[in-house]
Each structure stands twice: as structure tokens, then as C-alpha cells.
N, C-alpha and C. Protein backbone atom coordinates (compact mmCIF):
# COMPACT_ATOMS: atom_id res chain seq x y z
N MET A 1 81.99 69.57 104.62
CA MET A 1 83.30 69.24 105.16
C MET A 1 83.57 67.76 104.92
N ILE A 2 84.82 67.42 104.81
CA ILE A 2 85.16 66.04 104.54
C ILE A 2 86.04 65.49 105.64
N ASN A 3 86.19 64.22 105.62
CA ASN A 3 87.01 63.50 106.58
C ASN A 3 88.49 63.87 106.40
N ARG A 4 89.23 64.02 107.50
CA ARG A 4 90.65 64.36 107.44
C ARG A 4 91.43 63.41 106.54
N GLU A 5 91.07 62.13 106.54
CA GLU A 5 91.82 61.15 105.75
C GLU A 5 91.69 61.38 104.25
N LEU A 6 90.67 62.13 103.83
CA LEU A 6 90.43 62.35 102.41
C LEU A 6 90.84 63.74 101.94
N SER A 7 91.58 64.45 102.75
CA SER A 7 92.01 65.80 102.40
C SER A 7 92.78 65.80 101.09
N PRO A 8 92.44 66.73 100.16
CA PRO A 8 93.21 66.81 98.90
C PRO A 8 94.69 67.05 99.15
N TYR A 9 95.03 67.85 100.17
CA TYR A 9 96.44 68.11 100.46
C TYR A 9 97.14 66.82 100.84
N GLN A 10 96.47 65.99 101.64
CA GLN A 10 97.08 64.72 102.02
C GLN A 10 97.13 63.75 100.85
N TYR A 11 96.16 63.84 99.95
CA TYR A 11 96.17 62.98 98.78
C TYR A 11 97.40 63.27 97.92
N ILE A 12 97.71 64.54 97.74
CA ILE A 12 98.88 64.93 96.95
C ILE A 12 100.17 64.68 97.73
N ASN A 13 100.13 64.91 99.01
CA ASN A 13 101.32 64.87 99.84
C ASN A 13 101.05 64.03 101.09
N PRO A 14 101.03 62.69 100.97
CA PRO A 14 100.63 61.84 102.10
C PRO A 14 101.55 61.94 103.31
N SER A 15 102.76 62.43 103.16
CA SER A 15 103.66 62.53 104.31
C SER A 15 103.43 63.82 105.10
N CYS A 16 102.39 64.57 104.78
CA CYS A 16 102.16 65.87 105.43
C CYS A 16 101.41 65.74 106.74
N GLU A 17 101.07 64.56 107.18
CA GLU A 17 100.23 64.36 108.36
C GLU A 17 100.67 65.21 109.55
N ASN A 18 101.97 65.29 109.81
CA ASN A 18 102.44 66.06 110.95
C ASN A 18 102.47 67.56 110.69
N LYS A 19 102.21 68.00 109.47
CA LYS A 19 102.24 69.41 109.12
C LYS A 19 100.87 70.07 109.20
N ILE A 20 99.82 69.27 109.27
CA ILE A 20 98.46 69.80 109.29
C ILE A 20 98.06 70.06 110.73
N PRO A 21 97.66 71.29 111.05
CA PRO A 21 97.27 71.62 112.42
C PRO A 21 96.06 70.79 112.87
N ASP A 22 95.99 70.54 114.17
CA ASP A 22 94.88 69.78 114.73
C ASP A 22 93.54 70.46 114.50
N ASN A 23 93.53 71.77 114.40
CA ASN A 23 92.27 72.50 114.23
C ASN A 23 91.90 72.69 112.75
N ALA A 24 92.56 71.96 111.85
CA ALA A 24 92.27 72.09 110.42
C ALA A 24 90.86 71.60 110.11
N ILE A 25 90.23 72.29 109.18
CA ILE A 25 88.90 71.92 108.70
C ILE A 25 89.00 71.79 107.19
N PHE A 26 88.46 70.71 106.64
CA PHE A 26 88.51 70.49 105.20
C PHE A 26 87.11 70.59 104.63
N PHE A 27 87.02 71.06 103.39
CA PHE A 27 85.75 71.27 102.72
C PHE A 27 85.74 70.55 101.38
N ASN A 28 84.54 70.24 100.89
CA ASN A 28 84.41 69.60 99.58
C ASN A 28 84.66 70.58 98.44
N PHE A 29 84.30 71.84 98.64
CA PHE A 29 84.41 72.83 97.59
C PHE A 29 85.05 74.11 98.14
N SER A 30 85.79 74.79 97.29
CA SER A 30 86.40 76.07 97.69
C SER A 30 85.33 77.06 98.13
N ARG A 31 84.20 77.05 97.45
CA ARG A 31 83.11 77.97 97.77
C ARG A 31 82.70 77.82 99.24
N GLU A 32 82.58 76.58 99.71
CA GLU A 32 82.22 76.34 101.11
C GLU A 32 83.27 76.90 102.06
N ALA A 33 84.53 76.70 101.72
CA ALA A 33 85.61 77.20 102.57
C ALA A 33 85.60 78.72 102.63
N ILE A 34 85.41 79.34 101.48
CA ILE A 34 85.39 80.81 101.42
C ILE A 34 84.22 81.37 102.22
N LEU A 35 83.05 80.78 102.05
CA LEU A 35 81.88 81.22 102.83
C LEU A 35 82.13 81.06 104.33
N PHE A 36 82.75 79.95 104.71
CA PHE A 36 83.07 79.72 106.12
C PHE A 36 83.97 80.83 106.65
N ILE A 37 85.01 81.17 105.90
CA ILE A 37 85.96 82.22 106.32
C ILE A 37 85.25 83.57 106.42
N LEU A 38 84.48 83.92 105.41
CA LEU A 38 83.79 85.21 105.40
C LEU A 38 82.83 85.33 106.58
N GLU A 39 82.14 84.24 106.89
CA GLU A 39 81.21 84.27 108.02
C GLU A 39 81.96 84.25 109.36
N LYS A 40 82.99 83.43 109.46
CA LYS A 40 83.76 83.36 110.71
C LYS A 40 84.41 84.70 111.04
N GLU A 41 84.89 85.40 110.02
CA GLU A 41 85.55 86.69 110.21
C GLU A 41 84.56 87.86 110.18
N ALA A 42 83.28 87.55 110.06
CA ALA A 42 82.20 88.55 110.08
C ALA A 42 82.44 89.65 109.04
N ILE A 43 82.77 89.23 107.81
CA ILE A 43 82.95 90.19 106.72
C ILE A 43 81.57 90.74 106.34
N THR A 44 81.45 92.07 106.32
CA THR A 44 80.17 92.72 106.03
C THR A 44 80.29 93.62 104.81
N SER A 45 79.20 94.25 104.45
CA SER A 45 79.17 95.11 103.26
C SER A 45 80.12 96.30 103.36
N SER A 46 80.55 96.65 104.54
CA SER A 46 81.47 97.78 104.70
C SER A 46 82.94 97.36 104.61
N ASP A 47 83.20 96.07 104.51
CA ASP A 47 84.58 95.57 104.48
C ASP A 47 85.12 95.47 103.06
N LYS A 48 86.39 95.87 102.92
CA LYS A 48 87.09 95.83 101.64
C LYS A 48 87.89 94.54 101.56
N VAL A 49 87.72 93.80 100.45
CA VAL A 49 88.42 92.53 100.25
C VAL A 49 89.26 92.64 98.98
N LEU A 50 90.53 92.26 99.08
CA LEU A 50 91.44 92.30 97.93
C LEU A 50 91.59 90.90 97.36
N ILE A 51 91.45 90.81 96.03
CA ILE A 51 91.64 89.54 95.33
C ILE A 51 92.47 89.80 94.08
N PRO A 52 93.18 88.77 93.60
CA PRO A 52 93.99 88.97 92.39
C PRO A 52 93.12 89.22 91.16
N ASP A 53 93.68 89.93 90.18
CA ASP A 53 92.92 90.24 88.97
C ASP A 53 92.80 89.04 88.03
N TYR A 54 93.51 87.99 88.30
CA TYR A 54 93.39 86.74 87.55
C TYR A 54 92.76 85.73 88.50
N ILE A 55 91.44 85.58 88.39
CA ILE A 55 90.73 84.78 89.39
C ILE A 55 89.46 84.19 88.77
N CYS A 56 89.03 83.09 89.29
CA CYS A 56 87.79 82.46 88.88
C CYS A 56 86.60 83.33 89.31
N HIS A 57 85.67 83.53 88.42
CA HIS A 57 84.51 84.38 88.71
C HIS A 57 83.72 83.88 89.91
N SER A 58 83.75 82.58 90.18
CA SER A 58 82.97 82.05 91.31
C SER A 58 83.45 82.62 92.64
N LEU A 59 84.74 82.95 92.76
CA LEU A 59 85.23 83.57 93.99
C LEU A 59 84.58 84.93 94.19
N ILE A 60 84.50 85.70 93.12
CA ILE A 60 83.86 87.02 93.20
C ILE A 60 82.40 86.89 93.62
N ASP A 61 81.70 85.92 93.04
CA ASP A 61 80.29 85.70 93.38
C ASP A 61 80.11 85.40 94.87
N VAL A 62 80.98 84.57 95.41
CA VAL A 62 80.89 84.21 96.84
C VAL A 62 81.15 85.43 97.72
N ILE A 63 82.17 86.20 97.39
CA ILE A 63 82.50 87.37 98.19
C ILE A 63 81.38 88.41 98.12
N ARG A 64 80.78 88.56 96.95
CA ARG A 64 79.69 89.53 96.79
C ARG A 64 78.48 89.22 97.67
N GLU A 65 78.38 87.99 98.15
CA GLU A 65 77.30 87.65 99.08
C GLU A 65 77.49 88.38 100.41
N HIS A 66 78.72 88.86 100.65
CA HIS A 66 79.04 89.56 101.91
C HIS A 66 79.39 91.02 101.72
N THR A 67 80.06 91.35 100.62
CA THR A 67 80.46 92.74 100.38
C THR A 67 80.63 93.01 98.88
N ASP A 68 80.35 94.24 98.48
CA ASP A 68 80.60 94.67 97.11
C ASP A 68 81.94 95.38 96.98
N LYS A 69 82.62 95.56 98.09
CA LYS A 69 83.90 96.27 98.09
C LYS A 69 85.04 95.30 97.78
N ILE A 70 85.04 94.86 96.53
CA ILE A 70 86.06 93.93 96.05
C ILE A 70 87.06 94.72 95.21
N ILE A 71 88.30 94.67 95.62
CA ILE A 71 89.37 95.39 94.92
C ILE A 71 90.31 94.36 94.30
N LEU A 72 90.59 94.54 93.00
CA LEU A 72 91.50 93.64 92.30
C LEU A 72 92.92 94.18 92.35
N TYR A 73 93.87 93.31 92.72
CA TYR A 73 95.28 93.69 92.64
C TYR A 73 95.92 92.91 91.50
N LYS A 74 97.02 93.44 90.97
CA LYS A 74 97.64 92.87 89.78
C LYS A 74 98.42 91.59 90.07
N VAL A 75 98.36 90.71 89.08
CA VAL A 75 99.18 89.50 89.05
C VAL A 75 100.10 89.63 87.84
N ASN A 76 101.38 89.35 88.03
CA ASN A 76 102.35 89.45 86.95
C ASN A 76 102.17 88.32 85.93
N LYS A 77 102.81 88.45 84.77
CA LYS A 77 102.69 87.45 83.71
C LYS A 77 103.18 86.07 84.15
N ASP A 78 104.11 86.02 85.11
CA ASP A 78 104.60 84.74 85.61
C ASP A 78 103.73 84.20 86.76
N LEU A 79 102.57 84.81 86.96
CA LEU A 79 101.58 84.46 87.99
C LEU A 79 102.01 84.80 89.41
N SER A 80 103.05 85.57 89.55
CA SER A 80 103.45 86.05 90.88
C SER A 80 102.65 87.30 91.23
N ILE A 81 102.60 87.61 92.50
CA ILE A 81 101.87 88.78 92.98
C ILE A 81 102.66 90.04 92.68
N ASP A 82 102.00 91.06 92.19
CA ASP A 82 102.62 92.37 92.04
C ASP A 82 102.56 93.02 93.42
N CYS A 83 103.61 92.85 94.20
CA CYS A 83 103.62 93.30 95.60
C CYS A 83 103.44 94.81 95.72
N TYR A 84 103.99 95.56 94.78
CA TYR A 84 103.84 97.02 94.82
C TYR A 84 102.36 97.39 94.68
N ASP A 85 101.69 96.78 93.71
CA ASP A 85 100.27 97.07 93.48
C ASP A 85 99.43 96.63 94.68
N LEU A 86 99.73 95.47 95.23
CA LEU A 86 99.01 94.99 96.41
C LEU A 86 99.15 95.98 97.56
N LYS A 87 100.36 96.44 97.79
CA LYS A 87 100.61 97.40 98.87
C LYS A 87 99.82 98.69 98.65
N GLU A 88 99.78 99.16 97.41
CA GLU A 88 99.06 100.39 97.08
C GLU A 88 97.55 100.27 97.32
N ARG A 89 97.02 99.09 97.19
CA ARG A 89 95.57 98.89 97.26
C ARG A 89 95.08 98.42 98.64
N MET A 90 95.97 98.13 99.55
CA MET A 90 95.55 97.51 100.81
C MET A 90 95.02 98.47 101.87
N HIS A 91 94.99 99.76 101.58
CA HIS A 91 94.49 100.73 102.54
C HIS A 91 93.06 100.37 102.95
N ASN A 92 92.83 100.23 104.23
CA ASN A 92 91.52 99.90 104.82
C ASN A 92 90.98 98.53 104.40
N ALA A 93 91.84 97.65 103.91
CA ALA A 93 91.38 96.30 103.55
C ALA A 93 91.17 95.48 104.82
N ARG A 94 90.24 94.58 104.76
CA ARG A 94 89.97 93.69 105.89
C ARG A 94 90.52 92.29 105.63
N LEU A 95 90.57 91.90 104.33
CA LEU A 95 90.97 90.54 103.98
C LEU A 95 91.66 90.55 102.61
N ILE A 96 92.70 89.73 102.48
CA ILE A 96 93.44 89.59 101.22
C ILE A 96 93.48 88.12 100.84
N PHE A 97 93.09 87.83 99.59
CA PHE A 97 93.23 86.48 99.05
C PHE A 97 94.53 86.41 98.26
N LEU A 98 95.35 85.43 98.57
CA LEU A 98 96.56 85.13 97.80
C LEU A 98 96.31 83.79 97.13
N VAL A 99 96.64 83.67 95.85
CA VAL A 99 96.37 82.43 95.13
C VAL A 99 97.66 81.85 94.59
N ASP A 100 97.82 80.55 94.78
CA ASP A 100 98.94 79.81 94.18
C ASP A 100 98.40 79.15 92.92
N TYR A 101 98.85 79.61 91.77
CA TYR A 101 98.34 79.13 90.49
C TYR A 101 99.17 77.98 89.94
N PHE A 102 98.56 76.87 89.66
CA PHE A 102 99.14 75.78 88.88
C PHE A 102 100.55 75.39 89.33
N GLY A 103 100.74 75.30 90.64
CA GLY A 103 102.03 74.89 91.17
C GLY A 103 103.00 76.02 91.43
N VAL A 104 102.62 77.26 91.10
CA VAL A 104 103.48 78.42 91.37
C VAL A 104 103.18 78.91 92.78
N LYS A 105 104.11 78.68 93.69
CA LYS A 105 103.92 79.10 95.07
C LYS A 105 104.24 80.59 95.18
N ASN A 106 103.22 81.37 95.45
CA ASN A 106 103.41 82.81 95.57
C ASN A 106 104.02 83.17 96.91
N LYS A 107 105.02 83.99 96.84
CA LYS A 107 105.67 84.48 98.07
C LYS A 107 105.51 85.99 98.08
N ILE A 108 105.27 86.53 99.26
CA ILE A 108 105.25 87.98 99.36
C ILE A 108 106.39 88.42 100.26
N GLN A 109 106.86 89.60 100.02
CA GLN A 109 108.01 90.13 100.75
C GLN A 109 107.73 90.18 102.25
N ALA A 110 108.75 89.90 103.04
CA ALA A 110 108.61 89.92 104.51
C ALA A 110 108.11 91.27 104.99
N SER A 111 108.58 92.36 104.36
CA SER A 111 108.14 93.69 104.78
C SER A 111 106.65 93.88 104.52
N LEU A 112 106.15 93.29 103.44
CA LEU A 112 104.72 93.38 103.12
C LEU A 112 103.90 92.54 104.10
N VAL A 113 104.40 91.36 104.44
CA VAL A 113 103.73 90.52 105.45
C VAL A 113 103.66 91.28 106.77
N SER A 114 104.74 91.93 107.14
CA SER A 114 104.78 92.71 108.38
C SER A 114 103.74 93.83 108.36
N LEU A 115 103.64 94.52 107.23
CA LEU A 115 102.66 95.60 107.09
C LEU A 115 101.23 95.06 107.17
N ILE A 116 100.98 93.95 106.51
CA ILE A 116 99.66 93.32 106.55
C ILE A 116 99.30 92.94 107.98
N ASN A 117 100.25 92.35 108.70
CA ASN A 117 100.01 91.97 110.10
C ASN A 117 99.78 93.19 110.98
N LYS A 118 100.55 94.24 110.74
CA LYS A 118 100.40 95.48 111.52
C LYS A 118 99.00 96.07 111.33
N LYS A 119 98.49 95.99 110.10
CA LYS A 119 97.16 96.51 109.80
C LYS A 119 96.05 95.53 110.18
N LYS A 120 96.45 94.36 110.68
CA LYS A 120 95.50 93.31 111.09
C LYS A 120 94.59 92.87 109.95
N ILE A 121 95.17 92.75 108.76
CA ILE A 121 94.44 92.26 107.60
C ILE A 121 94.53 90.74 107.59
N ILE A 122 93.42 90.10 107.34
CA ILE A 122 93.36 88.64 107.30
C ILE A 122 93.91 88.16 105.96
N ILE A 123 94.79 87.16 105.99
CA ILE A 123 95.36 86.59 104.78
C ILE A 123 94.75 85.21 104.54
N VAL A 124 94.18 85.04 103.35
CA VAL A 124 93.65 83.75 102.93
C VAL A 124 94.47 83.30 101.74
N ARG A 125 95.10 82.13 101.85
CA ARG A 125 95.93 81.61 100.77
C ARG A 125 95.18 80.45 100.11
N ASP A 126 94.82 80.64 98.86
CA ASP A 126 94.07 79.64 98.10
C ASP A 126 95.05 78.76 97.34
N MET A 127 95.18 77.51 97.79
CA MET A 127 96.07 76.56 97.14
C MET A 127 95.32 75.61 96.21
N ALA A 128 94.00 75.71 96.15
CA ALA A 128 93.20 74.79 95.35
C ALA A 128 93.65 74.70 93.89
N PRO A 129 94.00 75.82 93.22
CA PRO A 129 94.43 75.70 91.82
C PRO A 129 95.74 74.95 91.64
N SER A 130 96.42 74.63 92.73
CA SER A 130 97.71 73.94 92.63
C SER A 130 97.67 72.48 93.04
N PHE A 131 96.55 72.01 93.57
CA PHE A 131 96.53 70.65 94.12
C PHE A 131 96.96 69.58 93.12
N LEU A 132 96.56 69.67 91.91
CA LEU A 132 96.89 68.62 90.95
C LEU A 132 98.20 68.87 90.22
N THR A 133 98.92 69.91 90.59
CA THR A 133 100.20 70.21 89.94
C THR A 133 101.37 70.10 90.90
N LEU A 134 101.10 69.72 92.14
CA LEU A 134 102.17 69.66 93.14
C LEU A 134 102.93 68.35 93.07
N HIS A 135 104.22 68.43 93.29
CA HIS A 135 105.03 67.23 93.42
C HIS A 135 104.95 66.76 94.86
N ARG A 136 104.96 65.49 95.07
CA ARG A 136 104.90 64.95 96.43
C ARG A 136 106.03 65.54 97.28
N ASN A 137 105.69 65.87 98.49
CA ASN A 137 106.63 66.39 99.50
C ASN A 137 107.28 67.71 99.10
N SER A 138 106.70 68.46 98.17
CA SER A 138 107.36 69.67 97.71
C SER A 138 106.67 70.94 98.18
N TYR A 139 105.59 70.85 98.91
CA TYR A 139 104.81 72.02 99.23
C TYR A 139 104.68 72.20 100.73
N GLU A 140 105.11 73.34 101.22
CA GLU A 140 105.03 73.65 102.64
C GLU A 140 103.96 74.70 102.87
N ILE A 141 103.24 74.59 103.96
CA ILE A 141 102.29 75.62 104.35
C ILE A 141 103.07 76.76 104.99
N ASP A 142 102.81 77.98 104.53
CA ASP A 142 103.56 79.13 105.06
C ASP A 142 103.16 79.43 106.50
N ASP A 143 103.91 80.33 107.12
CA ASP A 143 103.62 80.67 108.52
C ASP A 143 102.97 82.03 108.67
N TYR A 144 102.55 82.66 107.56
CA TYR A 144 101.95 83.98 107.68
C TYR A 144 100.46 84.01 107.31
N SER A 145 99.94 83.01 106.64
CA SER A 145 98.54 83.02 106.24
C SER A 145 97.64 82.66 107.42
N ASP A 146 96.51 83.35 107.50
CA ASP A 146 95.52 83.03 108.53
C ASP A 146 94.70 81.81 108.16
N TYR A 147 94.46 81.65 106.86
CA TYR A 147 93.72 80.51 106.33
C TYR A 147 94.45 79.98 105.11
N VAL A 148 94.53 78.66 104.96
CA VAL A 148 95.14 78.03 103.80
C VAL A 148 94.15 77.03 103.23
């Protein structure tokens, strides 16, 4: 974990101080953050985790330390989420990773967010691939993700 003053989000967007929750925790590596989430949420071998089909292999390796039930959902050519495919695959899912690629802020339909919340699926939004592509003051943390 790193000091709040050195947060990558704050480095890119220094005016975000009032937007970061008091209970925020920062990590040196995405792997550490993912492991923290998987352990905090008690993800086990019986839990199904959804991740995008365009993803760094290291994410899969980290998740496999907890479960082999990794389901890939489609990402469109413009790097947006294929919401229909995600909806089709979310049956009995425990956790969904959403990734913002290279400055493309992924949005999911309100009806899909509602369904995810109804099913009590944990949403993890990975913004790490976008940190060096963000314009200052241009990125807002959404209100539906459990972890960002």
C-alpha cells in the first residue's frame, strides 16, 4: 500500500482530493489490489468471476489463486463492454471486473447495473490501464462500483 499523497489517481488528477473516500486504500500494484479484494470478499473455488475477454494474463493468474471459475465476457472493437454478452454470462456470478482501457471510460446500462445489484454481484472497476491516458479533471469515479 502507498501513501495517499502518492496515489496515481491524484497524480493524474490533483484536484480530486475531495472525491476520494476517506476509507480509500491505495496499492503499489494492481495484483495487490486484486488479491486484497478477492480475500476481503472471501472469493473461493466455488465462486464464478467474470472478466473481459481482452485482459492482461496477470489478472487471470491472480484470480486463479482463488477460483478456476473464470468466465470471459466480450469486449467490443471500440473497447466498450458488450452488455448483452455480460448479461448472458452473469448467472450465478459473484464478482465482475469492468476495465477502462486507455482512457475509454466504460459505462454499463442502468438496467444492467440494477440487475447486478439485485443479484448482489460485486463490481470491480479497473482504471489502471487508463491512468496515463487521462486528461486532468476529466475522470469521475462512478457510483455503482464496489471497488475502483
